[in-house]
């Protein structure tokens, strides 16, 4: 599978899961399960190091890592963290500008 195909497919899912979580339609445990499943699926992508990063991919990995890093109450309630993640989600959905200061990296 190509990196871009993986990112395009998983970015839609990530945006859906994040929005559902923020709207209290999804428990944090389900969001966390999605994150771990995504990391596992990524391990099956062949030769990712030979494929260039896109802005979308950098944003995708940033959101994934930040969501995994911050504790659940901060993701939901910290205005700074939530605003940054929401801006990234909007970009992944094609509705917002690409934040240039976000540098997500592949696991």
PDB file of N, CA and C in Angstrom:
ATOM      1  N   UNK A   1       0.849  -1.179   0.000  1.00  0.00           N
ATOM      2  CA  UNK A   1       0.000   0.000   0.000  1.00  0.00           C
ATOM      3  C   UNK A   1       0.894   1.240   0.000  1.00  0.00           C
ATOM      4  N   UNK A   2       0.493   2.235  -0.747  1.00  0.00           N
ATOM      5  CA  UNK A   2       1.214   3.502  -0.765  1.00  0.00           C
ATOM      6  C   UNK A   2       0.886   4.319   0.477  1.00  0.00           C
ATOM      7  N   UNK A   3       1.859   5.086   0.919  1.00  0.00           N
ATOM      8  CA  UNK A   3       1.673   5.935   2.097  1.00  0.00           C
ATOM      9  C   UNK A   3       0.484   6.864   1.895  1.00  0.00           C
ATOM     10  N   UNK A   4       0.388   7.496   0.724  1.00  0.00           N
ATOM     11  CA  UNK A   4      -0.685   8.464   0.500  1.00  0.00           C
ATOM     12  C   UNK A   4      -2.068   7.822   0.570  1.00  0.00           C
ATOM     13  N   UNK A   5      -2.195   6.589   0.077  1.00  0.00           N
ATOM     14  CA  UNK A   5      -3.482   5.888   0.181  1.00  0.00           C
ATOM     15  C   UNK A   5      -3.840   5.641   1.645  1.00  0.00           C
ATOM     16  N   UNK A   6      -2.852   5.233   2.408  1.00  0.00           N
ATOM     17  CA  UNK A   6      -3.069   4.994   3.832  1.00  0.00           C
ATOM     18  C   UNK A   6      -3.510   6.288   4.523  1.00  0.00           C
ATOM     19  N   UNK A   7      -2.794   7.368   4.273  1.00  0.00           N
ATOM     20  CA  UNK A   7      -3.088   8.643   4.920  1.00  0.00           C
ATOM     21  C   UNK A   7      -4.472   9.150   4.512  1.00  0.00           C
ATOM     22  N   UNK A   8      -4.790   9.081   3.239  1.00  0.00           N
ATOM     23  CA  UNK A   8      -6.108   9.549   2.783  1.00  0.00           C
ATOM     24  C   UNK A   8      -7.237   8.784   3.468  1.00  0.00           C
ATOM     25  N   UNK A   9      -7.088   7.486   3.573  1.00  0.00           N
ATOM     26  CA  UNK A   9      -8.134   6.661   4.194  1.00  0.00           C
ATOM     27  C   UNK A   9      -8.222   6.910   5.700  1.00  0.00           C
ATOM     28  N   UNK A  10      -7.077   6.913   6.355  1.00  0.00           N
ATOM     29  CA  UNK A  10      -7.082   7.041   7.808  1.00  0.00           C
ATOM     30  C   UNK A  10      -7.363   8.470   8.277  1.00  0.00           C
ATOM     31  N   UNK A  11      -7.033   9.482   7.472  1.00  0.00           N
ATOM     32  CA  UNK A  11      -7.298  10.871   7.864  1.00  0.00           C
ATOM     33  C   UNK A  11      -8.800  11.112   8.007  1.00  0.00           C
ATOM     34  N   UNK A  12      -9.586  10.553   7.102  1.00  0.00           N
ATOM     35  CA  UNK A  12     -11.048  10.681   7.197  1.00  0.00           C
ATOM     36  C   UNK A  12     -11.551  10.036   8.478  1.00  0.00           C
ATOM     37  N   UNK A  13     -11.027   8.870   8.778  1.00  0.00           N
ATOM     38  CA  UNK A  13     -11.436   8.163   9.986  1.00  0.00           C
ATOM     39  C   UNK A  13     -11.007   8.916  11.243  1.00  0.00           C
ATOM     40  N   UNK A  14      -9.778   9.431  11.231  1.00  0.00           N
ATOM     41  CA  UNK A  14      -9.279  10.180  12.382  1.00  0.00           C
ATOM     42  C   UNK A  14     -10.152  11.404  12.653  1.00  0.00           C
ATOM     43  N   UNK A  15     -10.501  12.124  11.613  1.00  0.00           N
ATOM     44  CA  UNK A  15     -11.367  13.293  11.772  1.00  0.00           C
ATOM     45  C   UNK A  15     -12.722  12.880  12.343  1.00  0.00           C
ATOM     46  N   UNK A  16     -13.282  11.807  11.829  1.00  0.00           N
ATOM     47  CA  UNK A  16     -14.570  11.312  12.327  1.00  0.00           C
ATOM     48  C   UNK A  16     -14.486  10.937  13.807  1.00  0.00           C
ATOM     49  N   UNK A  17     -13.450  10.209  14.182  1.00  0.00           N
ATOM     50  CA  UNK A  17     -13.295   9.779  15.578  1.00  0.00           C
ATOM     51  C   UNK A  17     -13.094  10.968  16.511  1.00  0.00           C
ATOM     52  N   UNK A  18     -12.274  11.927  16.097  1.00  0.00           N
ATOM     53  CA  UNK A  18     -12.031  13.098  16.951  1.00  0.00           C
ATOM     54  C   UNK A  18     -13.316  13.904  17.146  1.00  0.00           C
ATOM     55  N   UNK A  19     -14.030  14.162  16.065  1.00  0.00           N
ATOM     56  CA  UNK A  19     -15.281  14.924  16.174  1.00  0.00           C
ATOM     57  C   UNK A  19     -16.306  14.186  17.027  1.00  0.00           C
ATOM     58  N   UNK A  20     -16.415  12.888  16.826  1.00  0.00           N
ATOM     59  CA  UNK A  20     -17.360  12.088  17.623  1.00  0.00           C
ATOM     60  C   UNK A  20     -16.998  12.126  19.100  1.00  0.00           C
ATOM     61  N   UNK A  21     -15.721  12.067  19.384  1.00  0.00           N
ATOM     62  CA  UNK A  21     -15.268  12.140  20.774  1.00  0.00           C
ATOM     63  C   UNK A  21     -15.625  13.495  21.383  1.00  0.00           C
ATOM     64  N   UNK A  22     -15.310  14.586  20.677  1.00  0.00           N
ATOM     65  CA  UNK A  22     -15.594  15.922  21.199  1.00  0.00           C
ATOM     66  C   UNK A  22     -17.101  16.172  21.359  1.00  0.00           C
ATOM     67  N   UNK A  23     -17.918  15.480  20.590  1.00  0.00           N
ATOM     68  CA  UNK A  23     -19.369  15.659  20.670  1.00  0.00           C
ATOM     69  C   UNK A  23     -20.011  14.655  21.635  1.00  0.00           C
ATOM     70  N   UNK A  24     -19.189  13.984  22.426  1.00  0.00           N
ATOM     71  CA  UNK A  24     -19.646  12.992  23.406  1.00  0.00           C
ATOM     72  C   UNK A  24     -20.426  11.847  22.774  1.00  0.00           C
ATOM     73  N   UNK A  25     -20.092  11.511  21.544  1.00  0.00           N
ATOM     74  CA  UNK A  25     -20.733  10.392  20.864  1.00  0.00           C
ATOM     75  C   UNK A  25     -19.851   9.151  20.869  1.00  0.00           C
ATOM     76  N   UNK A  26     -18.624   9.317  21.373  1.00  0.00           N
ATOM     77  CA  UNK A  26     -17.651   8.234  21.355  1.00  0.00           C
ATOM     78  C   UNK A  26     -16.851   8.282  22.651  1.00  0.00           C
ATOM     79  N   UNK A  27     -16.768   7.178  23.376  1.00  0.00           N
ATOM     80  CA  UNK A  27     -15.950   7.182  24.597  1.00  0.00           C
ATOM     81  C   UNK A  27     -14.461   7.231  24.252  1.00  0.00           C
ATOM     82  N   UNK A  28     -13.693   7.765  25.168  1.00  0.00           N
ATOM     83  CA  UNK A  28     -12.254   7.901  24.958  1.00  0.00           C
ATOM     84  C   UNK A  28     -11.608   6.545  24.664  1.00  0.00           C
ATOM     85  N   UNK A  29     -12.080   5.491  25.296  1.00  0.00           N
ATOM     86  CA  UNK A  29     -11.503   4.160  25.078  1.00  0.00           C
ATOM     87  C   UNK A  29     -11.595   3.751  23.610  1.00  0.00           C
ATOM     88  N   UNK A  30     -12.662   4.120  22.932  1.00  0.00           N
ATOM     89  CA  UNK A  30     -12.815   3.807  21.504  1.00  0.00           C
ATOM     90  C   UNK A  30     -11.832   4.621  20.655  1.00  0.00           C
ATOM     91  N   UNK A  31     -11.658   5.883  21.017  1.00  0.00           N
ATOM     92  CA  UNK A  31     -10.685   6.722  20.322  1.00  0.00           C
ATOM     93  C   UNK A  31      -9.287   6.141  20.487  1.00  0.00           C
ATOM     94  N   UNK A  32      -8.959   5.749  21.695  1.00  0.00           N
ATOM     95  CA  UNK A  32      -7.650   5.170  21.975  1.00  0.00           C
ATOM     96  C   UNK A  32      -7.443   3.858  21.207  1.00  0.00           C
ATOM     97  N   UNK A  33      -8.474   3.057  21.108  1.00  0.00           N
ATOM     98  CA  UNK A  33      -8.404   1.810  20.352  1.00  0.00           C
ATOM     99  C   UNK A  33      -8.137   2.101  18.871  1.00  0.00           C
ATOM    100  N   UNK A  34      -8.808   3.127  18.333  1.00  0.00           N
ATOM    101  CA  UNK A  34      -8.570   3.531  16.948  1.00  0.00           C
ATOM    102  C   UNK A  34      -7.104   3.938  16.744  1.00  0.00           C
ATOM    103  N   UNK A  35      -6.548   4.689  17.697  1.00  0.00           N
ATOM    104  CA  UNK A  35      -5.155   5.121  17.583  1.00  0.00           C
ATOM    105  C   UNK A  35      -4.214   3.921  17.518  1.00  0.00           C
ATOM    106  N   UNK A  36      -4.403   2.967  18.418  1.00  0.00           N
ATOM    107  CA  UNK A  36      -3.538   1.790  18.437  1.00  0.00           C
ATOM    108  C   UNK A  36      -3.715   0.948  17.178  1.00  0.00           C
ATOM    109  N   UNK A  37      -4.954   0.820  16.702  1.00  0.00           N
ATOM    110  CA  UNK A  37      -5.194   0.077  15.460  1.00  0.00           C
ATOM    111  C   UNK A  37      -4.495   0.754  14.280  1.00  0.00           C
ATOM    112  N   UNK A  38      -4.503   2.080  14.278  1.00  0.00           N
ATOM    113  CA  UNK A  38      -3.844   2.818  13.200  1.00  0.00           C
ATOM    114  C   UNK A  38      -2.340   2.593  13.224  1.00  0.00           C
ATOM    115  N   UNK A  39      -1.752   2.623  14.406  1.00  0.00           N
ATOM    116  CA  UNK A  39      -0.315   2.338  14.515  1.00  0.00           C
ATOM    117  C   UNK A  39      -0.009   0.924  14.006  1.00  0.00           C
ATOM    118  N   UNK A  40      -0.853  -0.026  14.349  1.00  0.00           N
ATOM    119  CA  UNK A  40      -0.626  -1.392  13.900  1.00  0.00           C
ATOM    120  C   UNK A  40      -0.777  -1.508  12.379  1.00  0.00           C
ATOM    121  N   UNK A  41      -1.809  -0.873  11.819  1.00  0.00           N
ATOM    122  CA  UNK A  41      -1.983  -0.901  10.366  1.00  0.00           C
ATOM    123  C   UNK A  41      -0.802  -0.243   9.662  1.00  0.00           C
ATOM    124  N   UNK A  42      -0.271   0.824  10.259  1.00  0.00           N
ATOM    125  CA  UNK A  42       0.879   1.506   9.661  1.00  0.00           C
ATOM    126  C   UNK A  42       2.065   0.556   9.532  1.00  0.00           C
ATOM    127  N   UNK A  43       2.223  -0.331  10.496  1.00  0.00           N
ATOM    128  CA  UNK A  43       3.362  -1.253  10.462  1.00  0.00           C
ATOM    129  C   UNK A  43       3.299  -2.195   9.256  1.00  0.00           C
ATOM    130  N   UNK A  44       2.159  -2.275   8.602  1.00  0.00           N
ATOM    131  CA  UNK A  44       2.002  -3.143   7.438  1.00  0.00           C
ATOM    132  C   UNK A  44       2.262  -2.417   6.111  1.00  0.00           C
ATOM    133  N   UNK A  45       2.463  -1.088   6.170  1.00  0.00           N
ATOM    134  CA  UNK A  45       2.777  -0.326   4.959  1.00  0.00           C
ATOM    135  C   UNK A  45       4.216  -0.633   4.561  1.00  0.00           C
ATOM    136  N   UNK A  46       4.407  -0.975   3.318  1.00  0.00           N
ATOM    137  CA  UNK A  46       5.733  -1.381   2.853  1.00  0.00           C
ATOM    138  C   UNK A  46       6.549  -0.182   2.358  1.00  0.00           C
ATOM    139  N   UNK A  47       7.804  -0.137   2.763  1.00  0.00           N
ATOM    140  CA  UNK A  47       8.779   0.865   2.317  1.00  0.00           C
ATOM    141  C   UNK A  47       8.319   2.316   2.479  1.00  0.00           C
ATOM    142  N   UNK A  48       7.798   2.699   3.638  1.00  0.00           N
ATOM    143  CA  UNK A  48       7.349   4.087   3.790  1.00  0.00           C
ATOM    144  C   UNK A  48       8.492   5.093   3.707  1.00  0.00           C
ATOM    145  N   UNK A  49       9.704   4.680   4.089  1.00  0.00           N
ATOM    146  CA  UNK A  49      10.834   5.607   4.084  1.00  0.00           C
ATOM    147  C   UNK A  49      11.221   6.053   2.675  1.00  0.00           C
ATOM    148  N   UNK A  50      10.811   5.308   1.665  1.00  0.00           N
ATOM    149  CA  UNK A  50      11.149   5.684   0.288  1.00  0.00           C
ATOM    150  C   UNK A  50      10.109   6.627  -0.326  1.00  0.00           C
ATOM    151  N   UNK A  51       9.034   6.915   0.416  1.00  0.00           N
ATOM    152  CA  UNK A  51       7.959   7.769  -0.086  1.00  0.00           C
ATOM    153  C   UNK A  51       7.982   9.111   0.643  1.00  0.00           C
ATOM    154  N   UNK A  52       7.844  10.180  -0.104  1.00  0.00           N
ATOM    155  CA  UNK A  52       7.934  11.536   0.458  1.00  0.00           C
ATOM    156  C   UNK A  52       6.719  11.864   1.324  1.00  0.00           C
ATOM    157  N   UNK A  53       6.956  12.739   2.296  1.00  0.00           N
ATOM    158  CA  UNK A  53       5.883  13.256   3.146  1.00  0.00           C
ATOM    159  C   UNK A  53       5.056  14.283   2.367  1.00  0.00           C
ATOM    160  N   UNK A  54       3.766  14.344   2.644  1.00  0.00           N
ATOM    161  CA  UNK A  54       2.913  15.436   2.173  1.00  0.00           C
ATOM    162  C   UNK A  54       2.545  16.277   3.402  1.00  0.00           C
ATOM    163  N   UNK A  55       2.036  17.472   3.169  1.00  0.00           N
ATOM    164  CA  UNK A  55       1.571  18.292   4.298  1.00  0.00           C
ATOM    165  C   UNK A  55       0.465  17.565   5.058  1.00  0.00           C
ATOM    166  N   UNK A  56      -0.416  16.934   4.307  1.00  0.00           N
ATOM    167  CA  UNK A  56      -1.525  16.198   4.932  1.00  0.00           C
ATOM    168  C   UNK A  56      -0.991  15.092   5.842  1.00  0.00           C
ATOM    169  N   UNK A  57       0.035  14.395   5.387  1.00  0.00           N
ATOM    170  CA  UNK A  57       0.590  13.328   6.213  1.00  0.00           C
ATOM    171  C   UNK A  57       1.211  13.881   7.490  1.00  0.00           C
ATOM    172  N   UNK A  58       1.937  14.982   7.379  1.00  0.00           N
ATOM    173  CA  UNK A  58       2.543  15.584   8.572  1.00  0.00           C
ATOM    174  C   UNK A  58       1.471  15.996   9.577  1.00  0.00           C
ATOM    175  N   UNK A  59       0.388  16.557   9.096  1.00  0.00           N
ATOM    176  CA  UNK A  59      -0.716  16.959   9.977  1.00  0.00           C
ATOM    177  C   UNK A  59      -1.366  15.722  10.591  1.00  0.00           C
ATOM    178  N   UNK A  60      -1.577  14.699   9.782  1.00  0.00           N
ATOM    179  CA  UNK A  60      -2.168  13.457  10.270  1.00  0.00           C
ATOM    180  C   UNK A  60      -1.360  12.881  11.437  1.00  0.00           C
ATOM    181  N   UNK A  61      -0.042  12.757  11.235  1.00  0.00           N
ATOM    182  CA  UNK A  61       0.791  12.179  12.291  1.00  0.00           C
ATOM    183  C   UNK A  61       0.834  13.088  13.519  1.00  0.00           C
ATOM    184  N   UNK A  62       0.816  14.378  13.310  1.00  0.00           N
ATOM    185  CA  UNK A  62       0.796  15.304  14.440  1.00  0.00           C
ATOM    186  C   UNK A  62      -0.453  15.069  15.293  1.00  0.00           C
ATOM    187  N   UNK A  63      -1.606  15.014  14.659  1.00  0.00           N
ATOM    188  CA  UNK A  63      -2.860  14.794  15.402  1.00  0.00           C
ATOM    189  C   UNK A  63      -2.825  13.448  16.107  1.00  0.00           C
ATOM    190  N   UNK A  64      -2.381  12.432  15.408  1.00  0.00           N
ATOM    191  CA  UNK A  64      -2.342  11.098  16.001  1.00  0.00           C
ATOM    192  C   UNK A  64      -1.421  11.064  17.224  1.00  0.00           C
ATOM    193  N   UNK A  65      -0.219  11.613  17.080  1.00  0.00           N
ATOM    194  CA  UNK A  65       0.732  11.611  18.199  1.00  0.00           C
ATOM    195  C   UNK A  65       0.245  12.481  19.359  1.00  0.00           C
ATOM    196  N   UNK A  66      -0.301  13.652  19.070  1.00  0.00           N
ATOM    197  CA  UNK A  66      -0.780  14.539  20.129  1.00  0.00           C
ATOM    198  C   UNK A  66      -1.957  13.918  20.880  1.00  0.00           C
ATOM    199  N   UNK A  67      -2.841  13.292  20.150  1.00  0.00           N
ATOM    200  CA  UNK A  67      -3.997  12.646  20.780  1.00  0.00           C
ATOM    201  C   UNK A  67      -3.543  11.490  21.658  1.00  0.00           C
ATOM    202  N   UNK A  68      -2.510  10.806  21.231  1.00  0.00           N
ATOM    203  CA  UNK A  68      -1.966   9.707  22.021  1.00  0.00           C
ATOM    204  C   UNK A  68      -1.163  10.226  23.223  1.00  0.00           C
ATOM    205  N   UNK A  69      -0.500  11.358  23.053  1.00  0.00           N
ATOM    206  CA  UNK A  69       0.374  11.909  24.088  1.00  0.00           C
ATOM    207  C   UNK A  69      -0.400  12.558  25.247  1.00  0.00           C
ATOM    208  N   UNK A  70      -1.350  13.438  24.922  1.00  0.00           N
ATOM    209  CA  UNK A  70      -2.052  14.191  25.962  1.00  0.00           C
ATOM    210  C   UNK A  70      -3.058  13.318  26.682  1.00  0.00           C
ATOM    211  N   UNK A  71      -3.250  13.601  27.951  1.00  0.00           N
ATOM    212  CA  UNK A  71      -4.240  12.865  28.728  1.00  0.00           C
ATOM    213  C   UNK A  71      -5.642  13.255  28.289  1.00  0.00           C
ATOM    214  N   UNK A  72      -6.559  12.342  28.490  1.00  0.00           N
ATOM    215  CA  UNK A  72      -7.929  12.502  28.004  1.00  0.00           C
ATOM    216  C   UNK A  72      -8.583  13.826  28.414  1.00  0.00           C
ATOM    217  N   UNK A  73      -8.504  14.258  29.671  1.00  0.00           N
ATOM    218  CA  UNK A  73      -9.163  15.522  30.032  1.00  0.00           C
ATOM    219  C   UNK A  73      -8.600  16.735  29.279  1.00  0.00           C
ATOM    220  N   UNK A  74      -7.313  16.707  28.964  1.00  0.00           N
ATOM    221  CA  UNK A  74      -6.710  17.828  28.244  1.00  0.00           C
ATOM    222  C   UNK A  74      -7.186  17.883  26.797  1.00  0.00           C
ATOM    223  N   UNK A  75      -7.323  16.732  26.164  1.00  0.00           N
ATOM    224  CA  UNK A  75      -7.799  16.695  24.782  1.00  0.00           C
ATOM    225  C   UNK A  75      -9.210  17.265  24.697  1.00  0.00           C
ATOM    226  N   UNK A  76      -9.994  17.005  25.702  1.00  0.00           N
ATOM    227  CA  UNK A  76     -11.384  17.456  25.709  1.00  0.00           C
ATOM    228  C   UNK A  76     -11.523  18.903  26.182  1.00  0.00           C
ATOM    229  N   UNK A  77     -10.723  19.326  27.160  1.00  0.00           N
ATOM    230  CA  UNK A  77     -11.006  20.593  27.844  1.00  0.00           C
ATOM    231  C   UNK A  77      -9.972  21.701  27.689  1.00  0.00           C
ATOM    232  N   UNK A  78      -8.736  21.374  27.342  1.00  0.00           N
ATOM    233  CA  UNK A  78      -7.721  22.420  27.230  1.00  0.00           C
ATOM    234  C   UNK A  78      -7.933  23.176  25.915  1.00  0.00           C
ATOM    235  N   UNK A  79      -8.234  24.464  26.026  1.00  0.00           N
ATOM    236  CA  UNK A  79      -8.571  25.253  24.834  1.00  0.00           C
ATOM    237  C   UNK A  79      -7.438  25.310  23.821  1.00  0.00           C
ATOM    238  N   UNK A  80      -6.216  25.428  24.280  1.00  0.00           N
ATOM    239  CA  UNK A  80      -5.068  25.523  23.374  1.00  0.00           C
ATOM    240  C   UNK A  80      -4.887  24.218  22.593  1.00  0.00           C
ATOM    241  N   UNK A  81      -4.883  23.106  23.297  1.00  0.00           N
ATOM    242  CA  UNK A  81      -4.693  21.799  22.654  1.00  0.00           C
ATOM    243  C   UNK A  81      -5.853  21.494  21.711  1.00  0.00           C
ATOM    244  N   UNK A  82      -7.062  21.704  22.196  1.00  0.00           N
ATOM    245  CA  UNK A  82      -8.248  21.400  21.396  1.00  0.00           C
ATOM    246  C   UNK A  82      -8.302  22.276  20.141  1.00  0.00           C
ATOM    247  N   UNK A  83      -7.966  23.553  20.265  1.00  0.00           N
ATOM    248  CA  UNK A  83      -7.978  24.459  19.108  1.00  0.00           C
ATOM    249  C   UNK A  83      -6.965  24.027  18.068  1.00  0.00           C
ATOM    250  N   UNK A  84      -5.755  23.682  18.516  1.00  0.00           N
ATOM    251  CA  UNK A  84      -4.729  23.240  17.571  1.00  0.00           C
ATOM    252  C   UNK A  84      -5.163  21.960  16.855  1.00  0.00           C
ATOM    253  N   UNK A  85      -5.692  21.014  17.609  1.00  0.00           N
ATOM    254  CA  UNK A  85      -6.134  19.763  17.002  1.00  0.00           C
ATOM    255  C   UNK A  85      -7.305  20.000  16.044  1.00  0.00           C
ATOM    256  N   UNK A  86      -8.223  20.868  16.424  1.00  0.00           N
ATOM    257  CA  UNK A  86      -9.365  21.159  15.560  1.00  0.00           C
ATOM    258  C   UNK A  86      -8.918  21.811  14.258  1.00  0.00           C
ATOM    259  N   UNK A  87      -7.962  22.715  14.316  1.00  0.00           N
ATOM    260  CA  UNK A  87      -7.428  23.331  13.090  1.00  0.00           C
ATOM    261  C   UNK A  87      -6.835  22.261  12.174  1.00  0.00           C
ATOM    262  N   UNK A  88      -6.145  21.317  12.759  1.00  0.00           N
ATOM    263  CA  UNK A  88      -5.558  20.234  11.974  1.00  0.00           C
ATOM    264  C   UNK A  88      -6.638  19.325  11.375  1.00  0.00           C
ATOM    265  N   UNK A  89      -7.665  19.033  12.152  1.00  0.00           N
ATOM    266  CA  UNK A  89      -8.773  18.206  11.661  1.00  0.00           C
ATOM    267  C   UNK A  89      -9.457  18.890  10.485  1.00  0.00           C
ATOM    268  N   UNK A  90      -9.677  20.194  10.598  1.00  0.00           N
ATOM    269  CA  UNK A  90     -10.288  20.936   9.494  1.00  0.00           C
ATOM    270  C   UNK A  90      -9.445  20.806   8.227  1.00  0.00           C
ATOM    271  N   UNK A  91      -8.152  20.883   8.376  1.00  0.00           N
ATOM    272  CA  UNK A  91      -7.259  20.739   7.227  1.00  0.00           C
ATOM    273  C   UNK A  91      -7.355  19.329   6.651  1.00  0.00           C
ATOM    274  N   UNK A  92      -7.367  18.315   7.506  1.00  0.00           N
ATOM    275  CA  UNK A  92      -7.489  16.938   7.029  1.00  0.00           C
ATOM    276  C   UNK A  92      -8.787  16.717   6.272  1.00  0.00           C
ATOM    277  N   UNK A  93      -9.820  17.451   6.667  1.00  0.00           N
ATOM    278  CA  UNK A  93     -11.122  17.345   6.003  1.00  0.00           C
ATOM    279  C   UNK A  93     -11.206  18.218   4.749  1.00  0.00           C
ATOM    280  N   UNK A  94     -10.167  18.976   4.481  1.00  0.00           N
ATOM    281  CA  UNK A  94     -10.165  19.845   3.310  1.00  0.00           C
ATOM    282  C   UNK A  94     -10.927  21.132   3.510  1.00  0.00           C
ATOM    283  N   UNK A  95     -11.171  21.519   4.766  1.00  0.00           N
ATOM    284  CA  UNK A  95     -11.971  22.705   5.076  1.00  0.00           C
ATOM    285  C   UNK A  95     -11.151  23.844   5.657  1.00  0.00           C
ATOM    286  N   UNK A  96      -9.906  23.607   5.939  1.00  0.00           N
ATOM    287  CA  UNK A  96      -9.095  24.641   6.577  1.00  0.00           C
ATOM    288  C   UNK A  96      -7.727  24.746   5.936  1.00  0.00           C
ATOM    289  N   UNK A  97      -7.026  25.771   6.349  1.00  0.00           N
ATOM    290  CA  UNK A  97      -5.670  25.981   5.853  1.00  0.00           C
ATOM    291  C   UNK A  97      -4.715  24.998   6.516  1.00  0.00           C
ATOM    292  N   UNK A  98      -3.670  24.678   5.815  1.00  0.00           N
ATOM    293  CA  UNK A  98      -2.651  23.775   6.327  1.00  0.00           C
ATOM    294  C   UNK A  98      -1.751  24.532   7.295  1.00  0.00           C
ATOM    295  N   UNK A  99      -1.785  24.180   8.581  1.00  0.00           N
ATOM    296  CA  UNK A  99      -0.879  24.851   9.525  1.00  0.00           C
ATOM    297  C   UNK A  99       0.566  24.467   9.207  1.00  0.00           C
ATOM    298  N   UNK A 100       1.373  25.442   8.871  1.00  0.00           N
ATOM    299  CA  UNK A 100       2.743  25.166   8.436  1.00  0.00           C
ATOM    300  C   UNK A 100       3.692  24.862   9.586  1.00  0.00           C
ATOM    301  N   UNK A 101       3.295  25.192  10.811  1.00  0.00           N
ATOM    302  CA  UNK A 101       4.177  24.954  11.949  1.00  0.00           C
ATOM    303  C   UNK A 101       3.974  23.567  12.571  1.00  0.00           C
ATOM    304  N   UNK A 102       3.164  22.737  11.966  1.00  0.00           N
ATOM    305  CA  UNK A 102       2.908  21.388  12.463  1.00  0.00           C
ATOM    306  C   UNK A 102       3.811  20.422  11.715  1.00  0.00           C
ATOM    307  N   UNK A 103       4.608  19.682  12.480  1.00  0.00           N
ATOM    308  CA  UNK A 103       5.549  18.761  11.857  1.00  0.00           C
ATOM    309  C   UNK A 103       5.388  17.383  12.486  1.00  0.00           C
ATOM    310  N   UNK A 104       4.412  16.641  12.009  1.00  0.00           N
ATOM    311  CA  UNK A 104       4.242  15.277  12.469  1.00  0.00           C
ATOM    312  C   UNK A 104       5.208  14.353  11.748  1.00  0.00           C
ATOM    313  N   UNK A 105       5.656  13.322  12.430  1.00  0.00           N
ATOM    314  CA  UNK A 105       6.587  12.367  11.820  1.00  0.00           C
ATOM    315  C   UNK A 105       6.021  10.957  11.910  1.00  0.00           C
ATOM    316  N   UNK A 106       6.484  10.127  11.013  1.00  0.00           N
ATOM    317  CA  UNK A 106       6.028   8.742  10.984  1.00  0.00           C
ATOM    318  C   UNK A 106       6.579   7.987  12.202  1.00  0.00           C
ATOM    319  N   UNK A 107       5.787   7.069  12.711  1.00  0.00           N
ATOM    320  CA  UNK A 107       6.299   6.287  13.850  1.00  0.00           C
ATOM    321  C   UNK A 107       7.417   5.349  13.424  1.00  0.00           C
TER     322      UNK A 107
END
